Each structure stands twice: as structure tokens, then as C-alpha cells.
Amino acid sequence: MSGHGEVLQQAAFDAIEDNGEPIIFKRTTTGTFDPVSGEDAGGVTTQFTRMAIVSKASGGVVLSFDNRFENGTLIETNLRAIVVAGLDLTFDPMPGDVAVFDGCDWTVL
């Protein structure tokens, strides 16, 4: 990216850094199964902390997902939208990763 794009990317990053809260993003990869011990061996958890903006998901956000999210259910009540600047991330958060904030682990959808 060069020129104007870099300036906009940095401005977005700065705004989130100034107004966000620290979120820990974690990804755990399972290891290989050891048939001798009967256990998984070598699983690794990678994590990074980044400032992000967290808000309750609006009806529009809920509707943008598929039919699994029924209005008024616990899933809808607990759904959060997170905005994180993509500048120099350790990894891009993906479904199945975990975001840690408000003292809870949240599954990334």
C-alpha cells in the first residue's frame, strides 16, 4: 500500500488505539495424536493483544449472519461486534479463534 491508503490505514489504527480497549486474540492449533500415550502432543496457542472497539451487535449485524441466530436468543443477546485495525497483526482473527475481554472468552465467528 502506498500514499493515501497508508495514511488512511494509519488514521484508522490511531483512532482505534485512542478509543478502544485491549483485547487478547488467541488461536490454538491442535498437535498430533500420539497413539503410544493416547494423547495429543504439541498443541500450540498463539496470541496477541490489540486495542479494539467492542459494541453490542445491532439487529443488522445479527441479520447479516445465517439463520442460526434467532431473535431474542442467548446467542443474539451475547453477540458482540469487534473492530480491530489490521495493521501489523500477528494473525488475522478467524472463526474458532478466541477474543478475551470483559473477563470472558468470546468465540470469533
PDB file of N, CA and C in Angstrom:
ATOM      1  N   MET A   1       0.844  -1.166   0.000  1.00  0.00           N
ATOM      2  CA  MET A   1       0.000   0.000   0.000  1.00  0.00           C
ATOM      3  C   MET A   1       0.892   1.232   0.000  1.00  0.00           C
ATOM      4  N   SER A   2       0.474   2.229  -0.736  1.00  0.00           N
ATOM      5  CA  SER A   2       1.311   3.428  -0.744  1.00  0.00           C
ATOM      6  C   SER A   2       0.445   4.671  -0.762  1.00  0.00           C
ATOM      7  N   GLY A   3       1.037   5.768  -0.329  1.00  0.00           N
ATOM      8  CA  GLY A   3       0.377   7.056  -0.404  1.00  0.00           C
ATOM      9  C   GLY A   3      -0.847   7.186   0.473  1.00  0.00           C
ATOM     10  N   HIS A   4      -1.963   7.560  -0.169  1.00  0.00           N
ATOM     11  CA  HIS A   4      -3.213   7.854   0.520  1.00  0.00           C
ATOM     12  C   HIS A   4      -3.714   6.655   1.339  1.00  0.00           C
ATOM     13  N   GLY A   5      -3.595   5.444   0.809  1.00  0.00           N
ATOM     14  CA  GLY A   5      -4.043   4.231   1.504  1.00  0.00           C
ATOM     15  C   GLY A   5      -3.320   4.030   2.823  1.00  0.00           C
ATOM     16  N   GLU A   6      -2.018   4.256   2.822  1.00  0.00           N
ATOM     17  CA  GLU A   6      -1.236   4.117   4.057  1.00  0.00           C
ATOM     18  C   GLU A   6      -1.659   5.144   5.098  1.00  0.00           C
ATOM     19  N   VAL A   7      -1.954   6.362   4.652  1.00  0.00           N
ATOM     20  CA  VAL A   7      -2.386   7.415   5.569  1.00  0.00           C
ATOM     21  C   VAL A   7      -3.722   7.037   6.200  1.00  0.00           C
ATOM     22  N   LEU A   8      -4.665   6.542   5.393  1.00  0.00           N
ATOM     23  CA  LEU A   8      -5.964   6.130   5.920  1.00  0.00           C
ATOM     24  C   LEU A   8      -5.840   4.948   6.873  1.00  0.00           C
ATOM     25  N   GLN A   9      -5.000   3.992   6.520  1.00  0.00           N
ATOM     26  CA  GLN A   9      -4.791   2.825   7.382  1.00  0.00           C
ATOM     27  C   GLN A   9      -4.213   3.258   8.729  1.00  0.00           C
ATOM     28  N   GLN A  10      -3.252   4.150   8.714  1.00  0.00           N
ATOM     29  CA  GLN A  10      -2.655   4.633   9.958  1.00  0.00           C
ATOM     30  C   GLN A  10      -3.662   5.442  10.767  1.00  0.00           C
ATOM     31  N   ALA A  11      -4.496   6.248  10.104  1.00  0.00           N
ATOM     32  CA  ALA A  11      -5.519   7.042  10.801  1.00  0.00           C
ATOM     33  C   ALA A  11      -6.532   6.130  11.492  1.00  0.00           C
ATOM     34  N   ALA A  12      -6.957   5.066  10.810  1.00  0.00           N
ATOM     35  CA  ALA A  12      -7.890   4.106  11.419  1.00  0.00           C
ATOM     36  C   ALA A  12      -7.239   3.430  12.620  1.00  0.00           C
ATOM     37  N   PHE A  13      -5.995   3.014  12.463  1.00  0.00           N
ATOM     38  CA  PHE A  13      -5.263   2.382  13.562  1.00  0.00           C
ATOM     39  C   PHE A  13      -5.181   3.324  14.756  1.00  0.00           C
ATOM     40  N   ASP A  14      -4.812   4.574  14.520  1.00  0.00           N
ATOM     41  CA  ASP A  14      -4.678   5.556  15.605  1.00  0.00           C
ATOM     42  C   ASP A  14      -6.011   5.798  16.312  1.00  0.00           C
ATOM     43  N   ALA A  15      -7.106   5.894  15.548  1.00  0.00           N
ATOM     44  CA  ALA A  15      -8.419   6.131  16.141  1.00  0.00           C
ATOM     45  C   ALA A  15      -8.830   4.966  17.043  1.00  0.00           C
ATOM     46  N   ILE A  16      -8.579   3.752  16.600  1.00  0.00           N
ATOM     47  CA  ILE A  16      -8.920   2.577  17.420  1.00  0.00           C
ATOM     48  C   ILE A  16      -8.017   2.516  18.641  1.00  0.00           C
ATOM     49  N   GLU A  17      -6.742   2.821  18.474  1.00  0.00           N
ATOM     50  CA  GLU A  17      -5.823   2.838  19.616  1.00  0.00           C
ATOM     51  C   GLU A  17      -6.260   3.857  20.662  1.00  0.00           C
ATOM     52  N   ASP A  18      -6.756   5.009  20.221  1.00  0.00           N
ATOM     53  CA  ASP A  18      -7.159   6.083  21.133  1.00  0.00           C
ATOM     54  C   ASP A  18      -8.486   5.799  21.832  1.00  0.00           C
ATOM     55  N   ASN A  19      -9.384   5.060  21.183  1.00  0.00           N
ATOM     56  CA  ASN A  19     -10.747   4.898  21.688  1.00  0.00           C
ATOM     57  C   ASN A  19     -11.111   3.470  22.070  1.00  0.00           C
ATOM     58  N   GLY A  20     -10.217   2.536  21.846  1.00  0.00           N
ATOM     59  CA  GLY A  20     -10.549   1.133  22.075  1.00  0.00           C
ATOM     60  C   GLY A  20     -10.172   0.646  23.457  1.00  0.00           C
ATOM     61  N   GLU A  21     -10.301  -0.656  23.616  1.00  0.00           N
ATOM     62  CA  GLU A  21      -9.897  -1.339  24.836  1.00  0.00           C
ATOM     63  C   GLU A  21      -9.021  -2.519  24.437  1.00  0.00           C
ATOM     64  N   PRO A  22      -8.124  -2.959  25.329  1.00  0.00           N
ATOM     65  CA  PRO A  22      -7.239  -4.061  24.955  1.00  0.00           C
ATOM     66  C   PRO A  22      -8.000  -5.384  24.863  1.00  0.00           C
ATOM     67  N   ILE A  23      -7.821  -6.064  23.758  1.00  0.00           N
ATOM     68  CA  ILE A  23      -8.430  -7.366  23.514  1.00  0.00           C
ATOM     69  C   ILE A  23      -7.303  -8.355  23.237  1.00  0.00           C
ATOM     70  N   ILE A  24      -7.368  -9.516  23.863  1.00  0.00           N
ATOM     71  CA  ILE A  24      -6.403 -10.578  23.570  1.00  0.00           C
ATOM     72  C   ILE A  24      -7.047 -11.495  22.540  1.00  0.00           C
ATOM     73  N   PHE A  25      -6.356 -11.738  21.446  1.00  0.00           N
ATOM     74  CA  PHE A  25      -6.804 -12.683  20.433  1.00  0.00           C
ATOM     75  C   PHE A  25      -5.940 -13.926  20.547  1.00  0.00           C
ATOM     76  N   LYS A  26      -6.581 -15.110  20.617  1.00  0.00           N
ATOM     77  CA  LYS A  26      -5.851 -16.370  20.757  1.00  0.00           C
ATOM     78  C   LYS A  26      -6.275 -17.362  19.681  1.00  0.00           C
ATOM     79  N   ARG A  27      -5.298 -18.085  19.181  1.00  0.00           N
ATOM     80  CA  ARG A  27      -5.550 -19.190  18.247  1.00  0.00           C
ATOM     81  C   ARG A  27      -4.802 -20.416  18.766  1.00  0.00           C
ATOM     82  N   THR A  28      -5.530 -21.503  18.926  1.00  0.00           N
ATOM     83  CA  THR A  28      -4.913 -22.747  19.381  1.00  0.00           C
ATOM     84  C   THR A  28      -4.960 -23.747  18.243  1.00  0.00           C
ATOM     85  N   THR A  29      -3.805 -24.289  17.921  1.00  0.00           N
ATOM     86  CA  THR A  29      -3.731 -25.355  16.927  1.00  0.00           C
ATOM     87  C   THR A  29      -3.474 -26.651  17.669  1.00  0.00           C
ATOM     88  N   THR A  30      -4.204 -27.679  17.287  1.00  0.00           N
ATOM     89  CA  THR A  30      -4.026 -28.964  17.963  1.00  0.00           C
ATOM     90  C   THR A  30      -2.759 -29.623  17.464  1.00  0.00           C
ATOM     91  N   GLY A  31      -2.201 -30.427  18.326  1.00  0.00           N
ATOM     92  CA  GLY A  31      -0.993 -31.157  17.955  1.00  0.00           C
ATOM     93  C   GLY A  31      -1.356 -32.452  17.245  1.00  0.00           C
ATOM     94  N   THR A  32      -0.399 -33.301  17.134  1.00  0.00           N
ATOM     95  CA  THR A  32      -0.623 -34.600  16.514  1.00  0.00           C
ATOM     96  C   THR A  32      -0.981 -35.613  17.592  1.00  0.00           C
ATOM     97  N   PHE A  33      -1.743 -36.611  17.224  1.00  0.00           N
ATOM     98  CA  PHE A  33      -2.145 -37.644  18.164  1.00  0.00           C
ATOM     99  C   PHE A  33      -1.018 -38.653  18.317  1.00  0.00           C
ATOM    100  N   ASP A  34      -0.626 -38.932  19.562  1.00  0.00           N
ATOM    101  CA  ASP A  34       0.406 -39.921  19.860  1.00  0.00           C
ATOM    102  C   ASP A  34      -0.295 -41.216  20.261  1.00  0.00           C
ATOM    103  N   PRO A  35      -0.288 -42.230  19.387  1.00  0.00           N
ATOM    104  CA  PRO A  35      -1.006 -43.467  19.699  1.00  0.00           C
ATOM    105  C   PRO A  35      -0.406 -44.228  20.881  1.00  0.00           C
ATOM    106  N   VAL A  36       0.864 -44.000  21.187  1.00  0.00           N
ATOM    107  CA  VAL A  36       1.506 -44.682  22.305  1.00  0.00           C
ATOM    108  C   VAL A  36       0.970 -44.154  23.635  1.00  0.00           C
ATOM    109  N   SER A  37       0.931 -42.824  23.772  1.00  0.00           N
ATOM    110  CA  SER A  37       0.454 -42.234  25.023  1.00  0.00           C
ATOM    111  C   SER A  37      -1.064 -42.049  25.031  1.00  0.00           C
ATOM    112  N   GLY A  38      -1.688 -42.051  23.837  1.00  0.00           N
ATOM    113  CA  GLY A  38      -3.119 -41.831  23.744  1.00  0.00           C
ATOM    114  C   GLY A  38      -3.508 -40.378  23.916  1.00  0.00           C
ATOM    115  N   GLU A  39      -2.555 -39.458  23.753  1.00  0.00           N
ATOM    116  CA  GLU A  39      -2.822 -38.039  23.965  1.00  0.00           C
ATOM    117  C   GLU A  39      -2.376 -37.217  22.761  1.00  0.00           C
ATOM    118  N   ASP A  40      -2.942 -36.002  22.685  1.00  0.00           N
ATOM    119  CA  ASP A  40      -2.451 -35.053  21.696  1.00  0.00           C
ATOM    120  C   ASP A  40      -1.124 -34.498  22.181  1.00  0.00           C
ATOM    121  N   ALA A  41      -0.186 -34.349  21.259  1.00  0.00           N
ATOM    122  CA  ALA A  41       1.126 -33.813  21.615  1.00  0.00           C
ATOM    123  C   ALA A  41       1.435 -32.604  20.746  1.00  0.00           C
ATOM    124  N   GLY A  42       1.949 -31.574  21.366  1.00  0.00           N
ATOM    125  CA  GLY A  42       2.461 -30.445  20.604  1.00  0.00           C
ATOM    126  C   GLY A  42       1.472 -29.375  20.208  1.00  0.00           C
ATOM    127  N   GLY A  43       0.311 -29.289  20.842  1.00  0.00           N
ATOM    128  CA  GLY A  43      -0.618 -28.198  20.549  1.00  0.00           C
ATOM    129  C   GLY A  43       0.006 -26.862  20.939  1.00  0.00           C
ATOM    130  N   VAL A  44      -0.295 -25.826  20.172  1.00  0.00           N
ATOM    131  CA  VAL A  44       0.316 -24.527  20.400  1.00  0.00           C
ATOM    132  C   VAL A  44      -0.767 -23.449  20.410  1.00  0.00           C
ATOM    133  N   THR A  45      -0.665 -22.514  21.371  1.00  0.00           N
ATOM    134  CA  THR A  45      -1.548 -21.355  21.398  1.00  0.00           C
ATOM    135  C   THR A  45      -0.724 -20.116  21.079  1.00  0.00           C
ATOM    136  N   THR A  46      -1.160 -19.381  20.063  1.00  0.00           N
ATOM    137  CA  THR A  46      -0.536 -18.124  19.676  1.00  0.00           C
ATOM    138  C   THR A  46      -1.499 -17.011  20.067  1.00  0.00           C
ATOM    139  N   GLN A  47      -0.969 -15.926  20.604  1.00  0.00           N
ATOM    140  CA  GLN A  47      -1.855 -14.827  20.968  1.00  0.00           C
ATOM    141  C   GLN A  47      -1.176 -13.491  20.770  1.00  0.00           C
ATOM    142  N   PHE A  48      -2.019 -12.464  20.639  1.00  0.00           N
ATOM    143  CA  PHE A  48      -1.534 -11.091  20.614  1.00  0.00           C
ATOM    144  C   PHE A  48      -2.591 -10.209  21.244  1.00  0.00           C
ATOM    145  N   THR A  49      -2.179  -9.061  21.741  1.00  0.00           N
ATOM    146  CA  THR A  49      -3.106  -8.093  22.318  1.00  0.00           C
ATOM    147  C   THR A  49      -3.151  -6.878  21.413  1.00  0.00           C
ATOM    148  N   ARG A  50      -4.361  -6.410  21.156  1.00  0.00           N
ATOM    149  CA  ARG A  50      -4.533  -5.256  20.281  1.00  0.00           C
ATOM    150  C   ARG A  50      -5.701  -4.440  20.804  1.00  0.00           C
ATOM    151  N   MET A  51      -5.622  -3.145  20.664  1.00  0.00           N
ATOM    152  CA  MET A  51      -6.748  -2.285  21.009  1.00  0.00           C
ATOM    153  C   MET A  51      -7.842  -2.508  19.965  1.00  0.00           C
ATOM    154  N   ALA A  52      -9.092  -2.563  20.433  1.00  0.00           N
ATOM    155  CA  ALA A  52     -10.226  -2.796  19.542  1.00  0.00           C
ATOM    156  C   ALA A  52     -11.447  -2.076  20.095  1.00  0.00           C
ATOM    157  N   ILE A  53     -12.395  -1.828  19.224  1.00  0.00           N
ATOM    158  CA  ILE A  53     -13.665  -1.233  19.607  1.00  0.00           C
ATOM    159  C   ILE A  53     -14.667  -2.378  19.712  1.00  0.00           C
ATOM    160  N   VAL A  54     -15.349  -2.483  20.854  1.00  0.00           N
ATOM    161  CA  VAL A  54     -16.332  -3.540  21.085  1.00  0.00           C
ATOM    162  C   VAL A  54     -17.697  -2.899  21.283  1.00  0.00           C
ATOM    163  N   SER A  55     -18.700  -3.432  20.608  1.00  0.00           N
ATOM    164  CA  SER A  55     -20.068  -2.943  20.813  1.00  0.00           C
ATOM    165  C   SER A  55     -21.032  -4.114  20.694  1.00  0.00           C
ATOM    166  N   LYS A  56     -22.202  -3.951  21.320  1.00  0.00           N
ATOM    167  CA  LYS A  56     -23.240  -4.964  21.158  1.00  0.00           C
ATOM    168  C   LYS A  56     -23.628  -4.980  19.696  1.00  0.00           C
ATOM    169  N   ALA A  57     -23.882  -6.169  19.191  1.00  0.00           N
ATOM    170  CA  ALA A  57     -24.262  -6.296  17.788  1.00  0.00           C
ATOM    171  C   ALA A  57     -25.672  -5.764  17.588  1.00  0.00           C
ATOM    172  N   SER A  58     -25.845  -4.975  16.559  1.00  0.00           N
ATOM    173  CA  SER A  58     -27.168  -4.440  16.239  1.00  0.00           C
ATOM    174  C   SER A  58     -27.970  -5.503  15.502  1.00  0.00           C
ATOM    175  N   GLY A  59     -29.241  -5.240  15.319  1.00  0.00           N
ATOM    176  CA  GLY A  59     -30.079  -6.163  14.560  1.00  0.00           C
ATOM    177  C   GLY A  59     -29.539  -6.412  13.172  1.00  0.00           C
ATOM    178  N   GLY A  60     -28.983  -5.372  12.548  1.00  0.00           N
ATOM    179  CA  GLY A  60     -28.411  -5.532  11.212  1.00  0.00           C
ATOM    180  C   GLY A  60     -27.231  -6.480  11.199  1.00  0.00           C
ATOM    181  N   VAL A  61     -26.402  -6.411  12.240  1.00  0.00           N
ATOM    182  CA  VAL A  61     -25.255  -7.321  12.325  1.00  0.00           C
ATOM    183  C   VAL A  61     -25.751  -8.747  12.499  1.00  0.00           C
ATOM    184  N   VAL A  62     -26.747  -8.933  13.378  1.00  0.00           N
ATOM    185  CA  VAL A  62     -27.288 -10.269  13.604  1.00  0.00           C
ATOM    186  C   VAL A  62     -27.879 -10.818  12.319  1.00  0.00           C
ATOM    187  N   LEU A  63     -28.632  -9.997  11.583  1.00  0.00           N
ATOM    188  CA  LEU A  63     -29.253 -10.452  10.349  1.00  0.00           C
ATOM    189  C   LEU A  63     -28.234 -10.772   9.261  1.00  0.00           C
ATOM    190  N   SER A  64     -27.035 -10.209   9.357  1.00  0.00           N
ATOM    191  CA  SER A  64     -26.024 -10.481   8.339  1.00  0.00           C
ATOM    192  C   SER A  64     -25.450 -11.893   8.464  1.00  0.00           C
ATOM    193  N   PHE A  65     -25.678 -12.533   9.610  1.00  0.00           N
ATOM    194  CA  PHE A  65     -25.285 -13.929   9.769  1.00  0.00           C
ATOM    195  C   PHE A  65     -26.392 -14.814   9.211  1.00  0.00           C
ATOM    196  N   ASP A  66     -26.137 -16.124   9.180  1.00  0.00           N
ATOM    197  CA  ASP A  66     -27.159 -17.014   8.639  1.00  0.00           C
ATOM    198  C   ASP A  66     -28.274 -17.278   9.657  1.00  0.00           C
ATOM    199  N   ASN A  67     -29.144 -18.201   9.374  1.00  0.00           N
ATOM    200  CA  ASN A  67     -30.357 -18.439  10.155  1.00  0.00           C
ATOM    201  C   ASN A  67     -30.117 -19.006  11.551  1.00  0.00           C
ATOM    202  N   ARG A  68     -28.901 -19.339  11.910  1.00  0.00           N
ATOM    203  CA  ARG A  68     -28.638 -19.906  13.235  1.00  0.00           C
ATOM    204  C   ARG A  68     -29.002 -18.933  14.347  1.00  0.00           C
ATOM    205  N   PHE A  69     -29.012 -17.650  14.060  1.00  0.00           N
ATOM    206  CA  PHE A  69     -29.219 -16.650  15.084  1.00  0.00           C
ATOM    207  C   PHE A  69     -30.678 -16.236  15.125  1.00  0.00           C
ATOM    208  N   GLU A  70     -31.386 -16.780  16.081  1.00  0.00           N
ATOM    209  CA  GLU A  70     -32.800 -16.463  16.250  1.00  0.00           C
ATOM    210  C   GLU A  70     -32.944 -15.225  17.116  1.00  0.00           C
ATOM    211  N   ASN A  71     -33.846 -14.336  16.761  1.00  0.00           N
ATOM    212  CA  ASN A  71     -34.094 -13.128  17.546  1.00  0.00           C
ATOM    213  C   ASN A  71     -34.450 -13.476  18.981  1.00  0.00           C
ATOM    214  N   GLY A  72     -33.850 -12.766  19.924  1.00  0.00           N
ATOM    215  CA  GLY A  72     -34.177 -12.943  21.330  1.00  0.00           C
ATOM    216  C   GLY A  72     -33.492 -14.110  22.014  1.00  0.00           C
ATOM    217  N   THR A  73     -32.650 -14.854  21.325  1.00  0.00           N
ATOM    218  CA  THR A  73     -31.979 -15.986  21.957  1.00  0.00           C
ATOM    219  C   THR A  73     -30.731 -15.513  22.687  1.00  0.00           C
ATOM    220  N   LEU A  74     -30.161 -16.402  23.477  1.00  0.00           N
ATOM    221  CA  LEU A  74     -28.939 -16.092  24.209  1.00  0.00           C
ATOM    222  C   LEU A  74     -27.811 -15.746  23.248  1.00  0.00           C
ATOM    223  N   ILE A  75     -27.779 -16.397  22.098  1.00  0.00           N
ATOM    224  CA  ILE A  75     -26.731 -16.105  21.114  1.00  0.00           C
ATOM    225  C   ILE A  75     -26.821 -14.645  20.677  1.00  0.00           C
ATOM    226  N   GLU A  76     -28.024 -14.197  20.336  1.00  0.00           N
ATOM    227  CA  GLU A  76     -28.179 -12.814  19.898  1.00  0.00           C
ATOM    228  C   GLU A  76     -27.841 -11.851  21.034  1.00  0.00           C
ATOM    229  N   THR A  77     -28.248 -12.170  22.240  1.00  0.00           N
ATOM    230  CA  THR A  77     -28.003 -11.314  23.391  1.00  0.00           C
ATOM    231  C   THR A  77     -26.509 -11.153  23.649  1.00  0.00           C
ATOM    232  N   ASN A  78     -25.751 -12.200  23.439  1.00  0.00           N
ATOM    233  CA  ASN A  78     -24.326 -12.177  23.752  1.00  0.00           C
ATOM    234  C   ASN A  78     -23.421 -11.871  22.560  1.00  0.00           C
ATOM    235  N   LEU A  79     -23.975 -11.622  21.409  1.00  0.00           N
ATOM    236  CA  LEU A  79     -23.191 -11.334  20.215  1.00  0.00           C
ATOM    237  C   LEU A  79     -22.575  -9.944  20.314  1.00  0.00           C
ATOM    238  N   ARG A  80     -21.292  -9.816  20.000  1.00  0.00           N
ATOM    239  CA  ARG A  80     -20.596  -8.537  20.020  1.00  0.00           C
ATOM    240  C   ARG A  80     -19.916  -8.313  18.672  1.00  0.00           C
ATOM    241  N   ALA A  81     -19.841  -7.067  18.281  1.00  0.00           N
ATOM    242  CA  ALA A  81     -19.098  -6.676  17.086  1.00  0.00           C
ATOM    243  C   ALA A  81     -17.772  -6.082  17.554  1.00  0.00           C
ATOM    244  N   ILE A  82     -16.681  -6.530  16.960  1.00  0.00           N
ATOM    245  CA  ILE A  82     -15.349  -6.039  17.321  1.00  0.00           C
ATOM    246  C   ILE A  82     -14.702  -5.451  16.083  1.00  0.00           C
ATOM    247  N   VAL A  83     -14.174  -4.243  16.219  1.00  0.00           N
ATOM    248  CA  VAL A  83     -13.423  -3.617  15.130  1.00  0.00           C
ATOM    249  C   VAL A  83     -11.988  -3.506  15.601  1.00  0.00           C
ATOM    250  N   VAL A  84     -11.090  -4.124  14.857  1.00  0.00           N
ATOM    251  CA  VAL A  84      -9.671  -4.095  15.182  1.00  0.00           C
ATOM    252  C   VAL A  84      -8.919  -3.655  13.923  1.00  0.00           C
ATOM    253  N   ALA A  85      -7.944  -2.786  14.097  1.00  0.00           N
ATOM    254  CA  ALA A  85      -7.148  -2.346  12.944  1.00  0.00           C
ATOM    255  C   ALA A  85      -6.273  -3.491  12.466  1.00  0.00           C
ATOM    256  N   GLY A  86      -6.228  -3.685  11.169  1.00  0.00           N
ATOM    257  CA  GLY A  86      -5.477  -4.790  10.598  1.00  0.00           C
ATOM    258  C   GLY A  86      -4.000  -4.504  10.382  1.00  0.00           C
ATOM    259  N   LEU A  87      -3.506  -3.411  10.910  1.00  0.00           N
ATOM    260  CA  LEU A  87      -2.113  -3.024  10.712  1.00  0.00           C
ATOM    261  C   LEU A  87      -1.190  -3.889  11.563  1.00  0.00           C
ATOM    262  N   ASP A  88      -0.323  -4.658  10.925  1.00  0.00           N
ATOM    263  CA  ASP A  88       0.704  -5.466  11.602  1.00  0.00           C
ATOM    264  C   ASP A  88       0.156  -6.461  12.615  1.00  0.00           C
ATOM    265  N   LEU A  89      -0.916  -7.168  12.279  1.00  0.00           N
ATOM    266  CA  LEU A  89      -1.447  -8.201  13.159  1.00  0.00           C
ATOM    267  C   LEU A  89      -0.535  -9.418  13.150  1.00  0.00           C
ATOM    268  N   THR A  90      -0.470 -10.120  14.277  1.00  0.00           N
ATOM    269  CA  THR A  90       0.283 -11.377  14.333  1.00  0.00           C
ATOM    270  C   THR A  90      -0.397 -12.413  13.445  1.00  0.00           C
ATOM    271  N   PHE A  91      -1.731 -12.444  13.489  1.00  0.00           N
ATOM    272  CA  PHE A  91      -2.529 -13.274  12.593  1.00  0.00           C
ATOM    273  C   PHE A  91      -3.887 -12.603  12.436  1.00  0.00           C
ATOM    274  N   ASP A  92      -4.580 -12.885  11.344  1.00  0.00           N
ATOM    275  CA  ASP A  92      -5.920 -12.348  11.135  1.00  0.00           C
ATOM    276  C   ASP A  92      -6.902 -13.206  11.928  1.00  0.00           C
ATOM    277  N   PRO A  93      -7.684 -12.616  12.850  1.00  0.00           N
ATOM    278  CA  PRO A  93      -8.667 -13.411  13.589  1.00  0.00           C
ATOM    279  C   PRO A  93      -9.622 -14.123  12.627  1.00  0.00           C
ATOM    280  N   MET A  94      -9.876 -15.399  12.908  1.00  0.00           N
ATOM    281  CA  MET A  94     -10.725 -16.234  12.058  1.00  0.00           C
ATOM    282  C   MET A  94     -11.737 -16.963  12.925  1.00  0.00           C
ATOM    283  N   PRO A  95     -12.802 -17.501  12.314  1.00  0.00           N
ATOM    284  CA  PRO A  95     -13.762 -18.284  13.087  1.00  0.00           C
ATOM    285  C   PRO A  95     -13.064 -19.392  13.875  1.00  0.00           C
ATOM    286  N   GLY A  96     -13.458 -19.514  15.141  1.00  0.00           N
ATOM    287  CA  GLY A  96     -12.863 -20.511  16.025  1.00  0.00           C
ATOM    288  C   GLY A  96     -11.786 -19.937  16.932  1.00  0.00           C
ATOM    289  N   ASP A  97     -11.220 -18.788  16.577  1.00  0.00           N
ATOM    290  CA  ASP A  97     -10.262 -18.128  17.461  1.00  0.00           C
ATOM    291  C   ASP A  97     -11.019 -17.605  18.676  1.00  0.00           C
ATOM    292  N   VAL A  98     -10.297 -17.122  19.667  1.00  0.00           N
ATOM    293  CA  VAL A  98     -10.902 -16.608  20.887  1.00  0.00           C
ATOM    294  C   VAL A  98     -10.480 -15.160  21.078  1.00  0.00           C
ATOM    295  N   ALA A  99     -11.438 -14.312  21.442  1.00  0.00           N
ATOM    296  CA  ALA A  99     -11.163 -12.930  21.833  1.00  0.00           C
ATOM    297  C   ALA A  99     -11.467 -12.834  23.324  1.00  0.00           C
ATOM    298  N   VAL A 100     -10.531 -12.278  24.088  1.00  0.00           N
ATOM    299  CA  VAL A 100     -10.701 -12.187  25.537  1.00  0.00           C
ATOM    300  C   VAL A 100     -10.889 -10.723  25.917  1.00  0.00           C
ATOM    301  N   PHE A 101     -12.076 -10.417  26.483  1.00  0.00           N
ATOM    302  CA  PHE A 101     -12.352  -9.077  27.007  1.00  0.00           C
ATOM    303  C   PHE A 101     -13.516  -9.179  27.983  1.00  0.00           C
ATOM    304  N   ASP A 102     -13.666  -8.167  28.812  1.00  0.00           N
ATOM    305  CA  ASP A 102     -14.701  -8.160  29.846  1.00  0.00           C
ATOM    306  C   ASP A 102     -14.616  -9.388  30.744  1.00  0.00           C
ATOM    307  N   GLY A 103     -13.420  -9.931  30.911  1.00  0.00           N
ATOM    308  CA  GLY A 103     -13.227 -11.078  31.789  1.00  0.00           C
ATOM    309  C   GLY A 103     -13.742 -12.390  31.225  1.00  0.00           C
ATOM    310  N   CYS A 104     -14.088 -12.426  29.937  1.00  0.00           N
ATOM    311  CA  CYS A 104     -14.660 -13.639  29.326  1.00  0.00           C
ATOM    312  C   CYS A 104     -13.931 -14.002  28.038  1.00  0.00           C
ATOM    313  N   ASP A 105     -14.004 -15.266  27.696  1.00  0.00           N
ATOM    314  CA  ASP A 105     -13.532 -15.744  26.396  1.00  0.00           C
ATOM    315  C   ASP A 105     -14.713 -15.705  25.446  1.00  0.00           C
ATOM    316  N   TRP A 106     -14.535 -15.080  24.269  1.00  0.00           N
ATOM    317  CA  TRP A 106     -15.574 -14.970  23.252  1.00  0.00           C
ATOM    318  C   TRP A 106     -15.088 -15.691  22.003  1.00  0.00           C
ATOM    319  N   THR A 107     -15.906 -16.525  21.422  1.00  0.00           N
ATOM    320  CA  THR A 107     -15.540 -17.241  20.203  1.00  0.00           C
ATOM    321  C   THR A 107     -15.743 -16.337  18.999  1.00  0.00           C
ATOM    322  N   VAL A 108     -14.723 -16.241  18.161  1.00  0.00           N
ATOM    323  CA  VAL A 108     -14.807 -15.432  16.947  1.00  0.00           C
ATOM    324  C   VAL A 108     -15.643 -16.203  15.917  1.00  0.00           C
ATOM    325  N   LEU A 109     -16.645 -15.496  15.362  1.00  0.00           N
ATOM    326  CA  LEU A 109     -17.499 -16.094  14.331  1.00  0.00           C
ATOM    327  C   LEU A 109     -17.062 -15.624  12.964  1.00  0.00           C
TER     328      LEU A 109
END
